[in-house]
Amino acid sequence: MRKTYVLVIVLVVVIGLLSYLGISILNKTKEKNHIAKTLEVIPEFEFMDSKQISFKNTHLKPNTNTVLIYYNSACDFCHHEAEGLYKHKDQFKNTQILFVSAEPMDSILKFANQYKLNKSPNLAFYHDTHHFFSNQLDISSVPFLLIYDKRQKLIKKHKGPLNAPAILNLLKPYE
C-alpha cells in the first residue's frame, strides 16, 4: 500500500513536470513565431535622438534600404562594426543606418563621435527609451542587426557582428 502511494506521488510529479515543460516550450515557440512575424516588415518603433526628438518608423526615408543596429558602447564587436561602417561609409550612401542603444545619450554620442559616424547624413544614433529591442523583440545580446530592403521587407536578422562588406553583399540585389 505504501509503495503504491509513493508510486502515485512520483507519477503525478513526473506528469506535472512534463506538462510544465511542454507548455513552456509551446509558449516560447509561439513567442518566437510572433517575433519573426513582427520582423517581416519594419515594425513600429519610437526612439529618441540627441535633442530628445522622437523618431518613429514612419519617419524613415521611403524606398531606401534600412539597417537597424542594436549596440552597446562596451561591446568590442560593436566597435569593430562601427569601424567597418566608417571605412565603407561611401558605399552605404543609399542606405539609412540607425544605430540604436539603450545606453544614456552621452554614451551614445561619445560612441558616434569616436567613429565620426555622426557626420554621415545617412547614419543616425538613437536612444531606445522604450526598450523596444529587449522588450518587444527579446534581444539580449549585441550587436544585433535587422536589414531591410527598399520595400521595408526583412532581408536578414543577424545576431553578432556582421562586417560592412557582408552587409553590402546582402543589400546588393536590392539596389
Protein backbone atom coordinates (compact mmCIF):
# COMPACT_ATOMS: atom_id res chain seq x y z
CA MET A 1 0.00 0.00 0.00
CA ARG A 2 2.80 2.38 0.92
CA LYS A 3 4.68 1.59 -2.35
CA THR A 4 1.54 2.33 -4.36
CA TYR A 5 1.12 5.67 -2.59
CA VAL A 6 4.75 6.68 -3.30
CA LEU A 7 4.47 5.50 -6.92
CA VAL A 8 1.33 7.60 -7.45
CA ILE A 9 3.04 10.68 -5.99
CA VAL A 10 6.13 10.17 -8.17
CA LEU A 11 3.93 9.66 -11.23
CA VAL A 12 1.94 12.83 -10.53
CA VAL A 13 5.14 14.84 -10.05
CA VAL A 14 6.67 13.50 -13.29
CA ILE A 15 3.48 14.16 -15.28
CA GLY A 16 3.28 17.65 -13.75
CA LEU A 17 6.89 18.45 -14.69
CA LEU A 18 6.48 17.12 -18.22
CA SER A 19 3.30 19.16 -18.65
CA TYR A 20 5.04 22.29 -17.38
CA LEU A 21 7.99 21.77 -19.73
CA GLY A 22 5.68 21.10 -22.67
CA ILE A 23 3.67 24.26 -22.04
CA SER A 24 6.87 26.30 -21.60
CA ILE A 25 8.27 25.05 -24.89
CA LEU A 26 4.97 25.74 -26.65
CA ASN A 27 4.81 29.30 -25.26
CA LYS A 28 8.42 30.03 -26.24
CA THR A 29 7.77 28.72 -29.75
CA LYS A 30 4.66 30.91 -30.09
CA GLU A 31 6.65 33.93 -28.86
CA LYS A 32 9.47 33.30 -31.36
CA ASN A 33 6.96 32.89 -34.19
CA HIS A 34 5.25 36.14 -33.18
CA ILE A 35 8.59 37.99 -33.17
CA ALA A 36 9.51 36.51 -36.57
CA LYS A 37 6.16 37.65 -37.96
CA THR A 38 6.65 41.12 -36.43
CA LEU A 39 10.05 41.47 -38.12
CA GLU A 40 8.89 40.54 -41.65
CA VAL A 41 8.50 44.27 -42.29
CA ILE A 42 9.98 47.14 -40.33
CA PRO A 43 7.96 47.14 -37.11
CA GLU A 44 6.57 50.16 -35.35
CA PHE A 45 9.15 51.77 -33.09
CA GLU A 46 9.94 55.04 -31.39
CA PHE A 47 13.44 56.18 -30.47
CA MET A 48 14.83 59.50 -29.24
CA ASP A 49 17.58 61.49 -30.88
CA SER A 50 20.19 63.58 -29.04
CA LYS A 51 17.78 66.54 -28.88
CA GLN A 52 15.07 64.37 -27.30
CA ILE A 53 13.05 64.48 -30.52
CA SER A 54 11.04 61.38 -31.27
CA PHE A 55 11.97 59.30 -34.30
CA LYS A 56 9.45 56.70 -35.44
CA ASN A 57 9.41 54.07 -38.17
CA THR A 58 7.11 56.37 -40.14
CA HIS A 59 9.99 58.90 -40.34
CA LEU A 60 12.19 56.51 -42.32
CA LYS A 61 13.09 57.56 -45.86
CA PRO A 62 10.78 55.79 -48.32
CA ASN A 63 12.24 53.46 -50.97
CA THR A 64 15.54 53.21 -49.12
CA ASN A 65 17.29 50.16 -47.71
CA THR A 66 17.45 50.28 -43.92
CA VAL A 67 19.83 48.76 -41.39
CA LEU A 68 18.97 48.83 -37.70
CA ILE A 69 21.92 48.08 -35.43
CA TYR A 70 21.27 47.48 -31.74
CA TYR A 71 24.58 48.03 -29.97
CA ASN A 72 26.32 48.86 -26.70
CA SER A 73 29.43 51.02 -26.40
CA ALA A 74 31.04 48.47 -24.04
CA CYS A 75 30.86 45.77 -26.74
CA ASP A 76 34.11 45.16 -28.66
CA PHE A 77 32.20 43.63 -31.59
CA CYS A 78 30.09 46.80 -31.81
CA HIS A 79 33.27 48.89 -32.05
CA HIS A 80 34.51 46.70 -34.92
CA GLU A 81 31.12 47.06 -36.58
CA ALA A 82 31.32 50.86 -36.32
CA GLU A 83 34.91 50.91 -37.64
CA GLY A 84 33.92 48.85 -40.65
CA LEU A 85 30.93 51.02 -41.43
CA TYR A 86 33.09 54.13 -41.22
CA LYS A 87 35.64 52.65 -43.64
CA HIS A 88 32.86 51.77 -46.11
CA LYS A 89 30.53 54.72 -45.42
CA ASP A 90 30.65 55.92 -49.03
CA GLN A 91 29.25 52.60 -50.20
CA PHE A 92 26.24 53.00 -47.89
CA LYS A 93 25.08 56.32 -49.42
CA ASN A 94 21.75 54.79 -50.50
CA THR A 95 21.12 53.03 -47.20
CA GLN A 96 19.80 54.53 -43.98
CA ILE A 97 21.61 53.12 -40.95
CA LEU A 98 20.23 53.55 -37.46
CA PHE A 99 22.45 52.78 -34.51
CA VAL A 100 20.19 52.18 -31.51
CA SER A 101 21.20 51.72 -27.88
CA ALA A 102 19.51 51.64 -24.51
CA GLU A 103 22.50 53.42 -23.01
CA PRO A 104 22.35 57.04 -21.82
CA MET A 105 22.57 59.60 -24.62
CA ASP A 106 26.02 60.82 -23.55
CA SER A 107 27.43 57.30 -24.12
CA ILE A 108 25.66 57.11 -27.48
CA LEU A 109 27.11 60.46 -28.58
CA LYS A 110 30.60 59.53 -27.37
CA PHE A 111 30.43 56.34 -29.46
CA ALA A 112 29.17 58.25 -32.52
CA ASN A 113 31.93 60.86 -32.19
CA GLN A 114 34.63 58.23 -31.66
CA TYR A 115 33.98 56.75 -35.10
CA LYS A 116 32.92 60.02 -36.80
CA LEU A 117 29.70 58.31 -37.82
CA ASN A 118 27.53 61.22 -36.75
CA LYS A 119 28.90 63.23 -39.70
CA SER A 120 27.27 60.98 -42.31
CA PRO A 121 23.80 62.09 -43.43
CA ASN A 122 22.51 58.53 -43.77
CA LEU A 123 23.73 57.40 -40.33
CA ALA A 124 21.88 58.31 -37.15
CA PHE A 125 22.12 57.43 -33.48
CA TYR A 126 19.12 56.91 -31.24
CA HIS A 127 18.25 56.08 -27.67
CA ASP A 128 15.90 53.13 -27.23
CA THR A 129 13.87 54.80 -24.49
CA HIS A 130 11.06 52.23 -24.54
CA HIS A 131 13.45 49.24 -24.71
CA PHE A 132 11.92 48.15 -28.00
CA PHE A 133 14.72 45.69 -28.78
CA SER A 134 14.85 43.99 -25.40
CA ASN A 135 11.15 44.03 -24.52
CA GLN A 136 9.34 43.56 -27.81
CA LEU A 137 11.96 41.63 -29.77
CA ASP A 138 13.53 39.71 -26.87
CA ILE A 139 17.04 40.74 -27.97
CA SER A 140 19.52 40.15 -25.19
CA SER A 141 22.88 40.39 -26.98
CA VAL A 142 24.73 42.94 -29.08
CA PRO A 143 25.37 43.68 -31.83
CA PHE A 144 22.06 42.72 -33.35
CA LEU A 145 21.22 43.75 -36.91
CA LEU A 146 18.00 43.96 -38.85
CA ILE A 147 18.50 44.57 -42.56
CA TYR A 148 15.53 45.67 -44.69
CA ASP A 149 15.10 46.33 -48.39
CA LYS A 150 13.54 49.40 -50.04
CA ARG A 151 10.05 47.98 -49.53
CA GLN A 152 10.82 47.60 -45.79
CA LYS A 153 10.85 43.79 -46.07
CA LEU A 154 13.31 41.86 -43.94
CA ILE A 155 16.42 40.67 -45.77
CA LYS A 156 18.33 39.39 -42.74
CA LYS A 157 18.14 39.23 -38.97
CA HIS A 158 21.62 38.76 -37.55
CA LYS A 159 22.83 38.19 -34.01
CA GLY A 160 26.50 39.06 -33.54
CA PRO A 161 28.96 41.00 -35.65
CA LEU A 162 28.48 41.33 -39.39
CA ASN A 163 31.16 43.22 -41.27
CA ALA A 164 30.39 46.04 -43.69
CA PRO A 165 31.23 44.07 -46.89
CA ALA A 166 28.82 41.31 -45.80
CA ILE A 167 26.05 43.88 -45.24
CA LEU A 168 26.78 45.41 -48.65
CA ASN A 169 26.59 41.97 -50.28
CA LEU A 170 23.19 41.38 -48.67
CA LEU A 171 21.93 44.75 -49.93
CA LYS A 172 23.39 44.48 -53.45
CA PRO A 173 20.40 42.63 -55.00
CA TYR A 174 18.06 45.32 -53.60
CA GLU A 175 19.88 48.38 -55.01
